[in-house]
Amino acid sequence: MTEPSDQQVPDEPHEGIDAFDNPDAKAYEDNQSSPLSRATGGDGPPPTDAPPAGEAPEVEGTGAGDPLAGVRISDEDAEHAVDGDDGPEHPGVRRSS
């Protein structure tokens, strides 16, 4: 059995070293976004096409109550459209290969 000694025990080898005080850790932290940041980052005025305060924006399409908005085909597109498929040639008939 060993006798207790009055020698001082050396400090931990990493005591007093800041693990985040190096170029890699600082670069990583600089590239992180704030969890409280907003899409614009708070820089600059609102978009110029935003309606003035107190006015509602003009609503179009399905939001305005037209359920077929964006579903109808334009006349120009209809000219270039291909006829739809009518289904199988002979419904209910199996073909042997």
N, C-alpha and C. Protein backbone atom coordinates (compact mmCIF):
# COMPACT_ATOMS: atom_id res chain seq x y z
N MET A 1 0.84 -1.16 0.00
CA MET A 1 0.00 0.00 0.00
C MET A 1 0.89 1.24 0.00
N THR A 2 0.45 2.29 -0.69
CA THR A 2 1.27 3.49 -0.75
C THR A 2 0.83 4.48 0.29
N GLU A 3 1.78 5.27 0.71
CA GLU A 3 1.51 6.30 1.72
C GLU A 3 0.96 7.55 1.05
N PRO A 4 0.04 8.27 1.67
CA PRO A 4 -0.42 9.54 1.11
C PRO A 4 0.73 10.54 1.08
N SER A 5 0.75 11.36 0.08
CA SER A 5 1.84 12.34 -0.03
C SER A 5 1.26 13.74 -0.02
N ASP A 6 2.11 14.70 0.24
CA ASP A 6 1.71 16.10 0.25
C ASP A 6 2.01 16.79 -1.08
N GLN A 7 2.37 16.03 -2.09
CA GLN A 7 2.68 16.61 -3.39
C GLN A 7 1.41 17.16 -4.03
N GLN A 8 1.60 18.25 -4.75
CA GLN A 8 0.46 18.81 -5.46
C GLN A 8 0.19 18.00 -6.72
N VAL A 9 -1.07 17.75 -6.97
CA VAL A 9 -1.47 17.01 -8.16
C VAL A 9 -1.52 18.00 -9.33
N PRO A 10 -0.92 17.65 -10.46
CA PRO A 10 -0.97 18.57 -11.59
C PRO A 10 -2.42 18.78 -12.07
N ASP A 11 -2.64 19.97 -12.65
CA ASP A 11 -3.97 20.26 -13.19
C ASP A 11 -4.29 19.32 -14.34
N GLU A 12 -5.56 19.28 -14.68
CA GLU A 12 -5.97 18.50 -15.84
C GLU A 12 -5.22 19.03 -17.06
N PRO A 13 -4.87 18.19 -18.00
CA PRO A 13 -4.07 18.66 -19.14
C PRO A 13 -4.80 19.70 -20.01
N HIS A 14 -6.12 19.70 -20.00
CA HIS A 14 -6.85 20.63 -20.86
C HIS A 14 -7.46 21.80 -20.09
N GLU A 15 -7.16 21.90 -18.83
CA GLU A 15 -7.74 22.97 -18.03
C GLU A 15 -7.23 24.32 -18.51
N GLY A 16 -8.14 25.26 -18.69
CA GLY A 16 -7.77 26.59 -19.12
C GLY A 16 -7.69 26.76 -20.63
N ILE A 17 -7.91 25.69 -21.39
CA ILE A 17 -7.89 25.78 -22.85
C ILE A 17 -9.31 25.93 -23.34
N ASP A 18 -9.55 26.95 -24.14
CA ASP A 18 -10.88 27.18 -24.70
C ASP A 18 -10.97 26.43 -26.02
N ALA A 19 -11.82 25.41 -26.06
CA ALA A 19 -11.96 24.58 -27.27
C ALA A 19 -12.55 25.36 -28.43
N PHE A 20 -13.23 26.46 -28.14
CA PHE A 20 -13.86 27.24 -29.20
C PHE A 20 -13.00 28.41 -29.64
N ASP A 21 -11.79 28.51 -29.13
CA ASP A 21 -10.89 29.61 -29.48
C ASP A 21 -9.91 29.14 -30.54
N ASN A 22 -10.44 28.75 -31.72
CA ASN A 22 -9.58 28.36 -32.83
C ASN A 22 -10.26 28.80 -34.13
N PRO A 23 -9.51 28.95 -35.20
CA PRO A 23 -10.07 29.49 -36.44
C PRO A 23 -11.23 28.67 -37.00
N ASP A 24 -11.16 27.34 -36.91
CA ASP A 24 -12.23 26.51 -37.45
C ASP A 24 -13.54 26.71 -36.69
N ALA A 25 -13.46 26.72 -35.37
CA ALA A 25 -14.66 26.90 -34.56
C ALA A 25 -15.26 28.28 -34.77
N LYS A 26 -14.41 29.30 -34.91
CA LYS A 26 -14.90 30.66 -35.12
C LYS A 26 -15.55 30.80 -36.50
N ALA A 27 -14.97 30.18 -37.53
CA ALA A 27 -15.54 30.23 -38.88
C ALA A 27 -16.89 29.53 -38.90
N TYR A 28 -17.00 28.40 -38.22
CA TYR A 28 -18.27 27.67 -38.15
C TYR A 28 -19.34 28.53 -37.48
N GLU A 29 -18.99 29.16 -36.39
CA GLU A 29 -19.96 29.97 -35.66
C GLU A 29 -20.37 31.20 -36.46
N ASP A 30 -19.42 31.78 -37.22
CA ASP A 30 -19.74 32.95 -38.04
C ASP A 30 -20.73 32.61 -39.15
N ASN A 31 -20.73 31.37 -39.62
CA ASN A 31 -21.61 30.96 -40.71
C ASN A 31 -22.98 30.48 -40.25
N GLN A 32 -23.21 30.43 -38.96
CA GLN A 32 -24.49 29.97 -38.44
C GLN A 32 -25.51 31.10 -38.44
N SER A 33 -26.75 30.78 -38.77
CA SER A 33 -27.79 31.80 -38.71
C SER A 33 -28.41 31.79 -37.32
N SER A 34 -28.95 32.90 -36.97
CA SER A 34 -29.56 33.03 -35.66
C SER A 34 -30.89 32.28 -35.65
N PRO A 35 -31.21 31.58 -34.59
CA PRO A 35 -32.50 30.89 -34.54
C PRO A 35 -33.67 31.87 -34.49
N LEU A 36 -33.39 33.12 -34.23
CA LEU A 36 -34.44 34.13 -34.16
C LEU A 36 -34.47 35.01 -35.41
N SER A 37 -33.68 34.65 -36.43
CA SER A 37 -33.62 35.50 -37.62
C SER A 37 -34.90 35.36 -38.43
N ARG A 38 -35.17 36.36 -39.21
CA ARG A 38 -36.34 36.35 -40.08
C ARG A 38 -35.87 36.21 -41.51
N ALA A 39 -36.82 36.00 -42.41
CA ALA A 39 -36.48 35.77 -43.81
C ALA A 39 -35.72 36.95 -44.40
N THR A 40 -36.07 38.17 -44.04
CA THR A 40 -35.40 39.32 -44.60
C THR A 40 -34.19 39.71 -43.79
N GLY A 41 -34.06 39.19 -42.61
CA GLY A 41 -32.95 39.57 -41.76
C GLY A 41 -33.13 40.96 -41.18
N GLY A 42 -34.30 41.57 -41.42
CA GLY A 42 -34.57 42.89 -40.89
C GLY A 42 -33.89 44.00 -41.67
N ASP A 43 -33.33 43.67 -42.82
CA ASP A 43 -32.63 44.68 -43.61
C ASP A 43 -33.56 45.26 -44.67
N GLY A 44 -33.62 46.55 -44.74
CA GLY A 44 -34.32 47.22 -45.82
C GLY A 44 -35.81 47.35 -45.61
N PRO A 45 -36.45 48.12 -46.48
CA PRO A 45 -37.88 48.36 -46.38
C PRO A 45 -38.67 47.16 -46.91
N PRO A 46 -39.98 47.14 -46.70
CA PRO A 46 -40.78 46.05 -47.26
C PRO A 46 -40.79 46.15 -48.78
N PRO A 47 -41.18 45.10 -49.47
CA PRO A 47 -41.20 45.13 -50.93
C PRO A 47 -42.08 46.27 -51.45
N THR A 48 -41.72 46.80 -52.61
CA THR A 48 -42.45 47.95 -53.15
C THR A 48 -43.86 47.58 -53.59
N ASP A 49 -44.10 46.32 -53.91
CA ASP A 49 -45.44 45.93 -54.35
C ASP A 49 -46.38 45.61 -53.18
N ALA A 50 -45.93 45.81 -51.96
CA ALA A 50 -46.78 45.57 -50.80
C ALA A 50 -47.85 46.66 -50.73
N PRO A 51 -49.09 46.29 -50.39
CA PRO A 51 -50.13 47.30 -50.29
C PRO A 51 -49.85 48.24 -49.12
N PRO A 52 -50.33 49.47 -49.21
CA PRO A 52 -50.13 50.40 -48.09
C PRO A 52 -50.81 49.89 -46.82
N ALA A 53 -50.37 50.37 -45.70
CA ALA A 53 -50.92 49.93 -44.42
C ALA A 53 -52.42 50.19 -44.39
N GLY A 54 -53.16 49.20 -43.90
CA GLY A 54 -54.61 49.34 -43.76
C GLY A 54 -55.39 48.88 -44.98
N GLU A 55 -54.71 48.59 -46.09
CA GLU A 55 -55.40 48.11 -47.29
C GLU A 55 -55.11 46.63 -47.48
N ALA A 56 -56.12 45.90 -47.91
CA ALA A 56 -55.97 44.48 -48.17
C ALA A 56 -55.41 44.28 -49.58
N PRO A 57 -54.59 43.28 -49.78
CA PRO A 57 -54.07 43.03 -51.12
C PRO A 57 -55.18 42.52 -52.04
N GLU A 58 -54.98 42.70 -53.33
CA GLU A 58 -55.96 42.23 -54.31
C GLU A 58 -55.81 40.71 -54.42
N VAL A 59 -56.90 40.00 -54.28
CA VAL A 59 -56.87 38.54 -54.29
C VAL A 59 -57.41 38.04 -55.62
N GLU A 60 -56.69 37.09 -56.21
CA GLU A 60 -57.11 36.51 -57.48
C GLU A 60 -57.10 34.99 -57.35
N GLY A 61 -57.63 34.32 -58.36
CA GLY A 61 -57.56 32.86 -58.42
C GLY A 61 -58.49 32.18 -57.44
N THR A 62 -58.04 31.06 -56.91
CA THR A 62 -58.90 30.28 -56.02
C THR A 62 -59.19 31.04 -54.73
N GLY A 63 -58.30 31.91 -54.32
CA GLY A 63 -58.53 32.71 -53.12
C GLY A 63 -59.67 33.69 -53.29
N ALA A 64 -59.95 34.06 -54.53
CA ALA A 64 -61.04 34.99 -54.80
C ALA A 64 -62.35 34.26 -55.02
N GLY A 65 -62.33 32.94 -54.92
CA GLY A 65 -63.57 32.17 -55.05
C GLY A 65 -63.73 31.46 -56.38
N ASP A 66 -62.73 31.48 -57.25
CA ASP A 66 -62.81 30.78 -58.53
C ASP A 66 -62.11 29.43 -58.37
N PRO A 67 -62.88 28.34 -58.17
CA PRO A 67 -62.26 27.04 -57.91
C PRO A 67 -61.52 26.47 -59.11
N LEU A 68 -61.79 26.98 -60.30
CA LEU A 68 -61.12 26.46 -61.50
C LEU A 68 -59.97 27.34 -61.97
N ALA A 69 -59.59 28.31 -61.18
CA ALA A 69 -58.48 29.19 -61.57
C ALA A 69 -57.21 28.36 -61.73
N GLY A 70 -56.57 28.51 -62.87
CA GLY A 70 -55.35 27.78 -63.14
C GLY A 70 -55.58 26.40 -63.68
N VAL A 71 -56.83 25.97 -63.80
CA VAL A 71 -57.14 24.64 -64.30
C VAL A 71 -57.58 24.71 -65.75
N ARG A 72 -58.25 25.77 -66.11
CA ARG A 72 -58.73 25.91 -67.49
C ARG A 72 -57.56 26.10 -68.44
N ILE A 73 -57.73 25.64 -69.68
CA ILE A 73 -56.69 25.78 -70.68
C ILE A 73 -56.96 27.03 -71.51
N SER A 74 -55.90 27.73 -71.84
CA SER A 74 -56.07 28.93 -72.66
C SER A 74 -56.28 28.52 -74.12
N ASP A 75 -56.84 29.41 -74.92
CA ASP A 75 -57.10 29.11 -76.33
C ASP A 75 -55.80 28.81 -77.06
N GLU A 76 -54.74 29.53 -76.72
CA GLU A 76 -53.45 29.31 -77.37
C GLU A 76 -52.91 27.92 -77.05
N ASP A 77 -53.03 27.51 -75.80
CA ASP A 77 -52.57 26.17 -75.42
C ASP A 77 -53.46 25.09 -76.02
N ALA A 78 -54.75 25.38 -76.17
CA ALA A 78 -55.68 24.39 -76.73
C ALA A 78 -55.32 24.05 -78.17
N GLU A 79 -54.78 25.02 -78.90
CA GLU A 79 -54.39 24.77 -80.29
C GLU A 79 -53.27 23.74 -80.39
N HIS A 80 -52.39 23.72 -79.39
CA HIS A 80 -51.23 22.81 -79.41
C HIS A 80 -51.47 21.54 -78.61
N ALA A 81 -52.64 21.39 -78.03
CA ALA A 81 -52.91 20.23 -77.19
C ALA A 81 -53.17 18.98 -78.03
N VAL A 82 -52.88 17.84 -77.46
CA VAL A 82 -53.11 16.55 -78.11
C VAL A 82 -54.38 15.97 -77.53
N ASP A 83 -55.15 15.26 -78.37
CA ASP A 83 -56.38 14.64 -77.87
C ASP A 83 -56.07 13.66 -76.75
N GLY A 84 -56.99 13.56 -75.82
CA GLY A 84 -56.80 12.67 -74.68
C GLY A 84 -56.93 11.22 -75.09
N ASP A 85 -56.47 10.34 -74.20
CA ASP A 85 -56.54 8.90 -74.43
C ASP A 85 -57.95 8.43 -74.11
N ASP A 86 -58.50 7.59 -74.99
CA ASP A 86 -59.86 7.06 -74.78
C ASP A 86 -59.86 5.76 -74.01
N GLY A 87 -58.73 5.26 -73.65
CA GLY A 87 -58.66 4.00 -72.92
C GLY A 87 -58.24 2.87 -73.83
N PRO A 88 -58.40 1.63 -73.38
CA PRO A 88 -57.95 0.49 -74.20
C PRO A 88 -58.81 0.34 -75.46
N GLU A 89 -58.22 -0.27 -76.49
CA GLU A 89 -58.96 -0.48 -77.75
C GLU A 89 -60.18 -1.37 -77.53
N HIS A 90 -59.97 -2.44 -76.83
CA HIS A 90 -61.05 -3.40 -76.61
C HIS A 90 -61.17 -3.66 -75.11
N PRO A 91 -61.96 -2.86 -74.42
CA PRO A 91 -62.04 -3.07 -72.96
C PRO A 91 -62.57 -4.45 -72.61
N GLY A 92 -61.95 -5.06 -71.63
CA GLY A 92 -62.41 -6.36 -71.16
C GLY A 92 -61.87 -7.51 -71.94
N VAL A 93 -61.07 -7.30 -72.95
CA VAL A 93 -60.52 -8.39 -73.75
C VAL A 93 -59.05 -8.55 -73.41
N ARG A 94 -58.67 -9.78 -73.09
CA ARG A 94 -57.26 -10.04 -72.81
C ARG A 94 -56.54 -10.39 -74.10
N ARG A 95 -55.34 -9.95 -74.16
CA ARG A 95 -54.52 -10.28 -75.33
C ARG A 95 -53.47 -11.29 -74.90
N SER A 96 -53.24 -12.25 -75.72
CA SER A 96 -52.17 -13.20 -75.41
C SER A 96 -50.93 -12.75 -76.18
N SER A 97 -49.81 -12.84 -75.53
CA SER A 97 -48.61 -12.37 -76.20
C SER A 97 -47.86 -13.46 -76.86
